[in-house]
Amino acid sequence: METSKIHVTTGTAGELDNIFEHQDHIAKSLLKSLNIPITEEEKAEITTKPTTSQEAYKLYIQAADIYTPAGRALSDDQRISLLEQSTRVDPSFAQAYSSLGDIYAERKRDYRGAGIYYEKAVRLQPHNPAPRIRLVRVYEKQGKAHAASLEKKRLEEINRRLALENQRLQAERKDAIRKKRLEQRKRQEEQRRVKQKKPQEERERLEAQERMERERNLEQQRRLDYQRRKEQQREREEQRRLERKRRWEQ
């Protein structure tokens, strides 16, 4: 295995924070837009930074690249060297341990070595099923049926707990939606009662406002339609001009 270190220039901690904050924002926005309920443990996984070390993260990213900055293809041993440097810089970097396990399992077929790294990743992220699933596979490859069975039971327990938590979150979400609808109906009913109590003059003022709003919307729609027609007309004129030019050139 190549043991020489590959130099990586470190930046500021603020740069790393900005990267992770951007990733967290994207993940949370996506989950919110899709209305996907997540457990508290999953939320913690999303918001927890994979590493607090700029150097460890850069080493990890470099190991994930296909080529070095000089354009040479990275070997498996070079990737291992980079990832091991990353875990030495930050011994709590679970993703780096998991990636080491992947290289040992998939590329080197060294299931014992892979198991060591997957076990570290599992200890650091006990609620993350991904490294535990990989750990089960390498245990099975090594013929460690009992160890694989124990991990499968733990996975079943994790999945059962996540399913129960998701059911609870779904129920809370439905209850929140129901309460929101009830509040909307109450506000609408209150508005109707207030409107009925107001004198005729006030009702007429409100109706006039509504009428003006409708007229503004219609006017805006007319302007948009006009602009769209003008644009279509310009496109047709341009097409005719190009056609005349083509005929003239012929």
Foldseek 3Di string as FASTA:
>chain_A
DDQDDDDDDFDDLVVVVVVLVVQLVVVVVVCVVVVQDFFPLVNCVSNDDLDSDRQLVVLQVQLVDQAHPVGHGDDLVNSLNSLVVSCVVPVLNLVSLQVNLCCCCPPVVNLVSSLVSLVSSCVSRVLDCVSLVVNLVSCVVVVVVVVSVVSVVSVVVSVVVRVVRSVVRVVVVVVVVVVVVVVVVVVVVVVVVVLVPDDPVVVVVVVVVVVVVVVVVVVVVVVVVVVVVVVVVVVVVVVVVVVVVVVVVD
